[in-house]
Amino acid sequence: MIGMVGLTTLCVASPAFARSISLKDAGVALWIFVVIGAVIILLQLVPAAILFFSFIGTTSAMVFKGKKAEEEKKAEVGVLTEVETAKAK
């Protein structure tokens, strides 16, 4: 298996395949392919942004709700500790 990979690498890396890439002779089809590919890649940013801001919103809501709940618990404890019992006659 390793010998096969080495042989393939040797064949591909040979000087026969070592030529520069020139975009002078590129046709219209190549440019259309590149533009469509770029648009598809950029469209992937839409759901990524939705997920990102959803995560930020959920995380910040949990953090702020946690702080609010702690303040409410402290207020309840303060109220409950200051309650005096009524004396029986």
PDB file of N, CA and C in Angstrom:
ATOM      1  N   MET A   1       0.823  -1.191   0.000  1.00  0.00           N
ATOM      2  CA  MET A   1       0.000   0.000   0.000  1.00  0.00           C
ATOM      3  C   MET A   1       0.866   1.252   0.000  1.00  0.00           C
ATOM      4  N   ILE A   2       1.881   1.272   0.858  1.00  0.00           N
ATOM      5  CA  ILE A   2       2.772   2.435   0.924  1.00  0.00           C
ATOM      6  C   ILE A   2       3.529   2.589  -0.388  1.00  0.00           C
ATOM      7  N   GLY A   3       3.926   1.472  -0.974  1.00  0.00           N
ATOM      8  CA  GLY A   3       4.632   1.522  -2.257  1.00  0.00           C
ATOM      9  C   GLY A   3       3.764   2.109  -3.352  1.00  0.00           C
ATOM     10  N   MET A   4       2.472   1.807  -3.322  1.00  0.00           N
ATOM     11  CA  MET A   4       1.545   2.329  -4.327  1.00  0.00           C
ATOM     12  C   MET A   4       1.402   3.844  -4.186  1.00  0.00           C
ATOM     13  N   VAL A   5       1.316   4.321  -2.941  1.00  0.00           N
ATOM     14  CA  VAL A   5       1.214   5.763  -2.694  1.00  0.00           C
ATOM     15  C   VAL A   5       2.496   6.455  -3.137  1.00  0.00           C
ATOM     16  N   GLY A   6       3.631   5.864  -2.830  1.00  0.00           N
ATOM     17  CA  GLY A   6       4.901   6.437  -3.241  1.00  0.00           C
ATOM     18  C   GLY A   6       5.036   6.487  -4.753  1.00  0.00           C
ATOM     19  N   LEU A   7       4.615   5.432  -5.419  1.00  0.00           N
ATOM     20  CA  LEU A   7       4.688   5.390  -6.880  1.00  0.00           C
ATOM     21  C   LEU A   7       3.776   6.448  -7.496  1.00  0.00           C
ATOM     22  N   THR A   8       2.586   6.585  -6.966  1.00  0.00           N
ATOM     23  CA  THR A   8       1.661   7.599  -7.479  1.00  0.00           C
ATOM     24  C   THR A   8       2.217   9.003  -7.263  1.00  0.00           C
ATOM     25  N   THR A   9       2.786   9.240  -6.095  1.00  0.00           N
ATOM     26  CA  THR A   9       3.383  10.549  -5.810  1.00  0.00           C
ATOM     27  C   THR A   9       4.546  10.828  -6.749  1.00  0.00           C
ATOM     28  N   LEU A  10       5.360   9.834  -7.005  1.00  0.00           N
ATOM     29  CA  LEU A  10       6.498   9.995  -7.902  1.00  0.00           C
ATOM     30  C   LEU A  10       6.043  10.317  -9.321  1.00  0.00           C
ATOM     31  N   CYS A  11       4.975   9.657  -9.758  1.00  0.00           N
ATOM     32  CA  CYS A  11       4.465   9.911 -11.111  1.00  0.00           C
ATOM     33  C   CYS A  11       3.872  11.311 -11.238  1.00  0.00           C
ATOM     34  N   VAL A  12       3.144  11.726 -10.236  1.00  0.00           N
ATOM     35  CA  VAL A  12       2.503  13.041 -10.305  1.00  0.00           C
ATOM     36  C   VAL A  12       3.532  14.150 -10.140  1.00  0.00           C
ATOM     37  N   ALA A  13       4.561  13.912  -9.341  1.00  0.00           N
ATOM     38  CA  ALA A  13       5.569  14.937  -9.096  1.00  0.00           C
ATOM     39  C   ALA A  13       6.656  14.953 -10.162  1.00  0.00           C
ATOM     40  N   SER A  14       6.505  14.198 -11.203  1.00  0.00           N
ATOM     41  CA  SER A  14       7.539  14.165 -12.244  1.00  0.00           C
ATOM     42  C   SER A  14       7.535  15.474 -13.034  1.00  0.00           C
ATOM     43  N   PRO A  15       8.648  15.803 -13.692  1.00  0.00           N
ATOM     44  CA  PRO A  15       8.744  17.070 -14.443  1.00  0.00           C
ATOM     45  C   PRO A  15       7.738  17.197 -15.579  1.00  0.00           C
ATOM     46  N   ALA A  16       7.173  16.096 -16.007  1.00  0.00           N
ATOM     47  CA  ALA A  16       6.189  16.187 -17.091  1.00  0.00           C
ATOM     48  C   ALA A  16       4.936  16.940 -16.633  1.00  0.00           C
ATOM     49  N   PHE A  17       4.623  16.865 -15.355  1.00  0.00           N
ATOM     50  CA  PHE A  17       3.450  17.557 -14.827  1.00  0.00           C
ATOM     51  C   PHE A  17       3.804  18.910 -14.214  1.00  0.00           C
ATOM     52  N   ALA A  18       5.063  19.263 -14.212  1.00  0.00           N
ATOM     53  CA  ALA A  18       5.500  20.507 -13.573  1.00  0.00           C
ATOM     54  C   ALA A  18       5.438  21.650 -14.569  1.00  0.00           C
ATOM     55  N   ARG A  19       4.264  22.174 -14.763  1.00  0.00           N
ATOM     56  CA  ARG A  19       4.117  23.346 -15.621  1.00  0.00           C
ATOM     57  C   ARG A  19       3.300  24.390 -14.873  1.00  0.00           C
ATOM     58  N   SER A  20       3.498  25.615 -15.221  1.00  0.00           N
ATOM     59  CA  SER A  20       2.809  26.686 -14.513  1.00  0.00           C
ATOM     60  C   SER A  20       1.359  26.775 -14.975  1.00  0.00           C
ATOM     61  N   ILE A  21       0.538  27.316 -14.114  1.00  0.00           N
ATOM     62  CA  ILE A  21      -0.873  27.487 -14.445  1.00  0.00           C
ATOM     63  C   ILE A  21      -1.058  28.880 -15.011  1.00  0.00           C
ATOM     64  N   SER A  22      -1.642  28.966 -16.186  1.00  0.00           N
ATOM     65  CA  SER A  22      -1.878  30.253 -16.820  1.00  0.00           C
ATOM     66  C   SER A  22      -3.383  30.442 -16.995  1.00  0.00           C
ATOM     67  N   LEU A  23      -3.880  31.581 -16.544  1.00  0.00           N
ATOM     68  CA  LEU A  23      -5.310  31.865 -16.687  1.00  0.00           C
ATOM     69  C   LEU A  23      -5.597  32.705 -17.933  1.00  0.00           C
ATOM     70  N   LYS A  24      -4.573  32.909 -18.773  1.00  0.00           N
ATOM     71  CA  LYS A  24      -4.781  33.670 -20.017  1.00  0.00           C
ATOM     72  C   LYS A  24      -5.730  32.933 -20.950  1.00  0.00           C
ATOM     73  N   ASP A  25      -5.575  31.623 -20.996  1.00  0.00           N
ATOM     74  CA  ASP A  25      -6.384  30.832 -21.918  1.00  0.00           C
ATOM     75  C   ASP A  25      -7.651  30.293 -21.267  1.00  0.00           C
ATOM     76  N   ALA A  26      -7.966  30.772 -20.092  1.00  0.00           N
ATOM     77  CA  ALA A  26      -9.158  30.292 -19.399  1.00  0.00           C
ATOM     78  C   ALA A  26     -10.393  30.804 -20.121  1.00  0.00           C
ATOM     79  N   GLY A  27     -11.319  29.911 -20.313  1.00  0.00           N
ATOM     80  CA  GLY A  27     -12.538  30.286 -21.025  1.00  0.00           C
ATOM     81  C   GLY A  27     -13.588  30.876 -20.096  1.00  0.00           C
ATOM     82  N   VAL A  28     -14.707  31.243 -20.697  1.00  0.00           N
ATOM     83  CA  VAL A  28     -15.810  31.821 -19.941  1.00  0.00           C
ATOM     84  C   VAL A  28     -16.377  30.813 -18.962  1.00  0.00           C
ATOM     85  N   ALA A  29     -16.389  29.545 -19.338  1.00  0.00           N
ATOM     86  CA  ALA A  29     -16.950  28.505 -18.477  1.00  0.00           C
ATOM     87  C   ALA A  29     -16.187  28.414 -17.152  1.00  0.00           C
ATOM     88  N   LEU A  30     -14.870  28.582 -17.203  1.00  0.00           N
ATOM     89  CA  LEU A  30     -14.083  28.537 -15.969  1.00  0.00           C
ATOM     90  C   LEU A  30     -14.455  29.691 -15.051  1.00  0.00           C
ATOM     91  N   TRP A  31     -14.609  30.886 -15.614  1.00  0.00           N
ATOM     92  CA  TRP A  31     -14.953  32.042 -14.788  1.00  0.00           C
ATOM     93  C   TRP A  31     -16.359  31.910 -14.212  1.00  0.00           C
ATOM     94  N   ILE A  32     -17.285  31.360 -14.979  1.00  0.00           N
ATOM     95  CA  ILE A  32     -18.636  31.111 -14.456  1.00  0.00           C
ATOM     96  C   ILE A  32     -18.562  30.109 -13.309  1.00  0.00           C
ATOM     97  N   PHE A  33     -17.752  29.069 -13.477  1.00  0.00           N
ATOM     98  CA  PHE A  33     -17.570  28.066 -12.422  1.00  0.00           C
ATOM     99  C   PHE A  33     -17.003  28.703 -11.151  1.00  0.00           C
ATOM    100  N   VAL A  34     -16.025  29.571 -11.316  1.00  0.00           N
ATOM    101  CA  VAL A  34     -15.400  30.234 -10.158  1.00  0.00           C
ATOM    102  C   VAL A  34     -16.404  31.147  -9.461  1.00  0.00           C
ATOM    103  N   VAL A  35     -17.175  31.907 -10.217  1.00  0.00           N
ATOM    104  CA  VAL A  35     -18.148  32.829  -9.633  1.00  0.00           C
ATOM    105  C   VAL A  35     -19.244  32.061  -8.903  1.00  0.00           C
ATOM    106  N   ILE A  36     -19.761  31.006  -9.520  1.00  0.00           N
ATOM    107  CA  ILE A  36     -20.811  30.211  -8.872  1.00  0.00           C
ATOM    108  C   ILE A  36     -20.259  29.561  -7.608  1.00  0.00           C
ATOM    109  N   GLY A  37     -19.044  29.071  -7.662  1.00  0.00           N
ATOM    110  CA  GLY A  37     -18.427  28.481  -6.478  1.00  0.00           C
ATOM    111  C   GLY A  37     -18.280  29.489  -5.352  1.00  0.00           C
ATOM    112  N   ALA A  38     -17.858  30.710  -5.694  1.00  0.00           N
ATOM    113  CA  ALA A  38     -17.710  31.752  -4.670  1.00  0.00           C
ATOM    114  C   ALA A  38     -19.059  32.107  -4.062  1.00  0.00           C
ATOM    115  N   VAL A  39     -20.105  32.177  -4.889  1.00  0.00           N
ATOM    116  CA  VAL A  39     -21.442  32.493  -4.378  1.00  0.00           C
ATOM    117  C   VAL A  39     -21.924  31.389  -3.438  1.00  0.00           C
ATOM    118  N   ILE A  40     -21.701  30.137  -3.806  1.00  0.00           N
ATOM    119  CA  ILE A  40     -22.116  29.023  -2.950  1.00  0.00           C
ATOM    120  C   ILE A  40     -21.380  29.076  -1.613  1.00  0.00           C
ATOM    121  N   ILE A  41     -20.098  29.352  -1.658  1.00  0.00           N
ATOM    122  CA  ILE A  41     -19.326  29.435  -0.405  1.00  0.00           C
ATOM    123  C   ILE A  41     -19.823  30.595   0.453  1.00  0.00           C
ATOM    124  N   LEU A  42     -20.110  31.741  -0.153  1.00  0.00           N
ATOM    125  CA  LEU A  42     -20.595  32.886   0.617  1.00  0.00           C
ATOM    126  C   LEU A  42     -21.997  32.648   1.162  1.00  0.00           C
ATOM    127  N   LEU A  43     -22.824  31.884   0.458  1.00  0.00           N
ATOM    128  CA  LEU A  43     -24.169  31.595   0.955  1.00  0.00           C
ATOM    129  C   LEU A  43     -24.132  30.748   2.226  1.00  0.00           C
ATOM    130  N   GLN A  44     -23.055  30.046   2.445  1.00  0.00           N
ATOM    131  CA  GLN A  44     -22.931  29.244   3.662  1.00  0.00           C
ATOM    132  C   GLN A  44     -22.779  30.128   4.894  1.00  0.00           C
ATOM    133  N   LEU A  45     -22.448  31.389   4.696  1.00  0.00           N
ATOM    134  CA  LEU A  45     -22.323  32.308   5.828  1.00  0.00           C
ATOM    135  C   LEU A  45     -23.676  32.659   6.433  1.00  0.00           C
ATOM    136  N   VAL A  46     -24.764  32.522   5.664  1.00  0.00           N
ATOM    137  CA  VAL A  46     -26.088  32.879   6.179  1.00  0.00           C
ATOM    138  C   VAL A  46     -26.489  31.969   7.337  1.00  0.00           C
ATOM    139  N   PRO A  47     -26.533  30.641   7.164  1.00  0.00           N
ATOM    140  CA  PRO A  47     -26.891  29.807   8.319  1.00  0.00           C
ATOM    141  C   PRO A  47     -25.834  29.863   9.423  1.00  0.00           C
ATOM    142  N   ALA A  48     -24.585  30.083   9.060  1.00  0.00           N
ATOM    143  CA  ALA A  48     -23.543  30.193  10.082  1.00  0.00           C
ATOM    144  C   ALA A  48     -23.797  31.423  10.958  1.00  0.00           C
ATOM    145  N   ALA A  49     -24.188  32.526  10.359  1.00  0.00           N
ATOM    146  CA  ALA A  49     -24.489  33.735  11.135  1.00  0.00           C
ATOM    147  C   ALA A  49     -25.719  33.528  12.003  1.00  0.00           C
ATOM    148  N   ILE A  50     -26.737  32.853  11.466  1.00  0.00           N
ATOM    149  CA  ILE A  50     -27.948  32.583  12.249  1.00  0.00           C
ATOM    150  C   ILE A  50     -27.598  31.737  13.472  1.00  0.00           C
ATOM    151  N   LEU A  51     -26.830  30.681  13.276  1.00  0.00           N
ATOM    152  CA  LEU A  51     -26.447  29.831  14.399  1.00  0.00           C
ATOM    153  C   LEU A  51     -25.574  30.584  15.400  1.00  0.00           C
ATOM    154  N   PHE A  52     -24.664  31.408  14.907  1.00  0.00           N
ATOM    155  CA  PHE A  52     -23.767  32.151  15.791  1.00  0.00           C
ATOM    156  C   PHE A  52     -24.550  33.107  16.686  1.00  0.00           C
ATOM    157  N   PHE A  53     -25.431  33.918  16.085  1.00  0.00           N
ATOM    158  CA  PHE A  53     -26.173  34.886  16.884  1.00  0.00           C
ATOM    159  C   PHE A  53     -27.203  34.207  17.772  1.00  0.00           C
ATOM    160  N   SER A  54     -27.717  33.061  17.349  1.00  0.00           N
ATOM    161  CA  SER A  54     -28.616  32.295  18.206  1.00  0.00           C
ATOM    162  C   SER A  54     -27.868  31.802  19.437  1.00  0.00           C
ATOM    163  N   PHE A  55     -26.653  31.331  19.244  1.00  0.00           N
ATOM    164  CA  PHE A  55     -25.832  30.868  20.367  1.00  0.00           C
ATOM    165  C   PHE A  55     -25.528  32.014  21.320  1.00  0.00           C
ATOM    166  N   ILE A  56     -25.174  33.177  20.756  1.00  0.00           N
ATOM    167  CA  ILE A  56     -24.859  34.343  21.588  1.00  0.00           C
ATOM    168  C   ILE A  56     -26.099  34.761  22.377  1.00  0.00           C
ATOM    169  N   GLY A  57     -27.256  34.768  21.722  1.00  0.00           N
ATOM    170  CA  GLY A  57     -28.488  35.155  22.402  1.00  0.00           C
ATOM    171  C   GLY A  57     -28.856  34.191  23.509  1.00  0.00           C
ATOM    172  N   THR A  58     -28.724  32.897  23.247  1.00  0.00           N
ATOM    173  CA  THR A  58     -29.050  31.899  24.261  1.00  0.00           C
ATOM    174  C   THR A  58     -28.104  32.001  25.448  1.00  0.00           C
ATOM    175  N   THR A  59     -26.830  32.154  25.155  1.00  0.00           N
ATOM    176  CA  THR A  59     -25.838  32.229  26.231  1.00  0.00           C
ATOM    177  C   THR A  59     -26.052  33.476  27.085  1.00  0.00           C
ATOM    178  N   SER A  60     -26.254  34.621  26.445  1.00  0.00           N
ATOM    179  CA  SER A  60     -26.452  35.848  27.217  1.00  0.00           C
ATOM    180  C   SER A  60     -27.757  35.785  28.011  1.00  0.00           C
ATOM    181  N   ALA A  61     -28.806  35.178  27.462  1.00  0.00           N
ATOM    182  CA  ALA A  61     -30.066  35.045  28.204  1.00  0.00           C
ATOM    183  C   ALA A  61     -29.871  34.171  29.430  1.00  0.00           C
ATOM    184  N   MET A  62     -29.098  33.102  29.290  1.00  0.00           N
ATOM    185  CA  MET A  62     -28.847  32.234  30.441  1.00  0.00           C
ATOM    186  C   MET A  62     -28.040  32.967  31.507  1.00  0.00           C
ATOM    187  N   VAL A  63     -27.058  33.734  31.094  1.00  0.00           N
ATOM    188  CA  VAL A  63     -26.214  34.452  32.053  1.00  0.00           C
ATOM    189  C   VAL A  63     -27.033  35.506  32.792  1.00  0.00           C
ATOM    190  N   PHE A  64     -27.799  36.309  32.043  1.00  0.00           N
ATOM    191  CA  PHE A  64     -28.570  37.372  32.684  1.00  0.00           C
ATOM    192  C   PHE A  64     -29.714  36.817  33.517  1.00  0.00           C
ATOM    193  N   LYS A  65     -30.329  35.717  33.072  1.00  0.00           N
ATOM    194  CA  LYS A  65     -31.393  35.097  33.840  1.00  0.00           C
ATOM    195  C   LYS A  65     -30.825  34.513  35.131  1.00  0.00           C
ATOM    196  N   GLY A  66     -29.626  33.966  35.060  1.00  0.00           N
ATOM    197  CA  GLY A  66     -28.984  33.421  36.247  1.00  0.00           C
ATOM    198  C   GLY A  66     -28.716  34.505  37.273  1.00  0.00           C
ATOM    199  N   LYS A  67     -28.265  35.662  36.845  1.00  0.00           N
ATOM    200  CA  LYS A  67     -27.998  36.778  37.765  1.00  0.00           C
ATOM    201  C   LYS A  67     -29.307  37.281  38.374  1.00  0.00           C
ATOM    202  N   LYS A  68     -30.346  37.353  37.564  1.00  0.00           N
ATOM    203  CA  LYS A  68     -31.636  37.827  38.040  1.00  0.00           C
ATOM    204  C   LYS A  68     -32.208  36.850  39.064  1.00  0.00           C
ATOM    205  N   ALA A  69     -32.072  35.558  38.800  1.00  0.00           N
ATOM    206  CA  ALA A  69     -32.575  34.547  39.721  1.00  0.00           C
ATOM    207  C   ALA A  69     -31.831  34.617  41.057  1.00  0.00           C
ATOM    208  N   GLU A  70     -30.536  34.855  41.026  1.00  0.00           N
ATOM    209  CA  GLU A  70     -29.761  34.974  42.264  1.00  0.00           C
ATOM    210  C   GLU A  70     -30.227  36.181  43.078  1.00  0.00           C
ATOM    211  N   GLU A  71     -30.507  37.295  42.404  1.00  0.00           N
ATOM    212  CA  GLU A  71     -30.981  38.485  43.110  1.00  0.00           C
ATOM    213  C   GLU A  71     -32.352  38.232  43.742  1.00  0.00           C
ATOM    214  N   GLU A  72     -33.223  37.522  42.999  1.00  0.00           N
ATOM    215  CA  GLU A  72     -34.547  37.212  43.532  1.00  0.00           C
ATOM    216  C   GLU A  72     -34.444  36.276  44.729  1.00  0.00           C
ATOM    217  N   LYS A  73     -33.548  35.291  44.665  1.00  0.00           N
ATOM    218  CA  LYS A  73     -33.364  34.373  45.788  1.00  0.00           C
ATOM    219  C   LYS A  73     -32.859  35.122  47.017  1.00  0.00           C
ATOM    220  N   LYS A  74     -31.932  36.056  46.813  1.00  0.00           N
ATOM    221  CA  LYS A  74     -31.414  36.844  47.938  1.00  0.00           C
ATOM    222  C   LYS A  74     -32.526  37.694  48.538  1.00  0.00           C
ATOM    223  N   ALA A  75     -33.379  38.250  47.683  1.00  0.00           N
ATOM    224  CA  ALA A  75     -34.480  39.070  48.167  1.00  0.00           C
ATOM    225  C   ALA A  75     -35.465  38.208  48.958  1.00  0.00           C
ATOM    226  N   GLU A  76     -35.764  37.011  48.480  1.00  0.00           N
ATOM    227  CA  GLU A  76     -36.682  36.112  49.179  1.00  0.00           C
ATOM    228  C   GLU A  76     -36.101  35.684  50.522  1.00  0.00           C
ATOM    229  N   VAL A  77     -34.836  35.365  50.553  1.00  0.00           N
ATOM    230  CA  VAL A  77     -34.189  34.954  51.799  1.00  0.00           C
ATOM    231  C   VAL A  77     -34.215  36.099  52.792  1.00  0.00           C
ATOM    232  N   GLY A  78     -33.980  37.327  52.310  1.00  0.00           N
ATOM    233  CA  GLY A  78     -34.019  38.495  53.174  1.00  0.00           C
ATOM    234  C   GLY A  78     -35.402  38.705  53.756  1.00  0.00           C
ATOM    235  N   VAL A  79     -36.420  38.507  52.962  1.00  0.00           N
ATOM    236  CA  VAL A  79     -37.791  38.671  53.442  1.00  0.00           C
ATOM    237  C   VAL A  79     -38.117  37.585  54.457  1.00  0.00           C
ATOM    238  N   LEU A  80     -37.724  36.365  54.168  1.00  0.00           N
ATOM    239  CA  LEU A  80     -38.063  35.244  55.048  1.00  0.00           C
ATOM    240  C   LEU A  80     -37.317  35.310  56.379  1.00  0.00           C
ATOM    241  N   THR A  81     -36.127  35.830  56.402  1.00  0.00           N
ATOM    242  CA  THR A  81     -35.370  35.878  57.645  1.00  0.00           C
ATOM    243  C   THR A  81     -35.848  37.001  58.561  1.00  0.00           C
ATOM    244  N   GLU A  82     -36.472  38.022  58.026  1.00  0.00           N
ATOM    245  CA  GLU A  82     -36.925  39.144  58.828  1.00  0.00           C
ATOM    246  C   GLU A  82     -38.346  38.968  59.346  1.00  0.00           C
ATOM    247  N   VAL A  83     -38.953  37.839  59.056  1.00  0.00           N
ATOM    248  CA  VAL A  83     -40.321  37.597  59.512  1.00  0.00           C
ATOM    249  C   VAL A  83     -40.301  37.256  60.998  1.00  0.00           C
ATOM    250  N   GLU A  84     -41.159  37.909  61.750  1.00  0.00           N
ATOM    251  CA  GLU A  84     -41.263  37.606  63.178  1.00  0.00           C
ATOM    252  C   GLU A  84     -42.535  36.799  63.422  1.00  0.00           C
ATOM    253  N   THR A  85     -42.446  35.867  64.283  1.00  0.00           N
ATOM    254  CA  THR A  85     -43.609  35.051  64.569  1.00  0.00           C
ATOM    255  C   THR A  85     -44.531  35.795  65.524  1.00  0.00           C
ATOM    256  N   ALA A  86     -45.804  35.555  65.419  1.00  0.00           N
ATOM    257  CA  ALA A  86     -46.783  36.193  66.299  1.00  0.00           C
ATOM    258  C   ALA A  86     -46.809  35.451  67.632  1.00  0.00           C
ATOM    259  N   LYS A  87     -46.882  36.198  68.719  1.00  0.00           N
ATOM    260  CA  LYS A  87     -46.904  35.582  70.054  1.00  0.00           C
ATOM    261  C   LYS A  87     -48.330  35.182  70.409  1.00  0.00           C
ATOM    262  N   ALA A  88     -48.432  34.037  70.977  1.00  0.00           N
ATOM    263  CA  ALA A  88     -49.754  33.562  71.387  1.00  0.00           C
ATOM    264  C   ALA A  88     -50.181  34.266  72.676  1.00  0.00           C
ATOM    265  N   LYS A  89     -51.461  34.554  72.811  1.00  0.00           N
ATOM    266  CA  LYS A  89     -51.951  35.244  74.012  1.00  0.00           C
ATOM    267  C   LYS A  89     -52.264  34.267  75.102  1.00  0.00           C
TER     268      LYS A  89
END
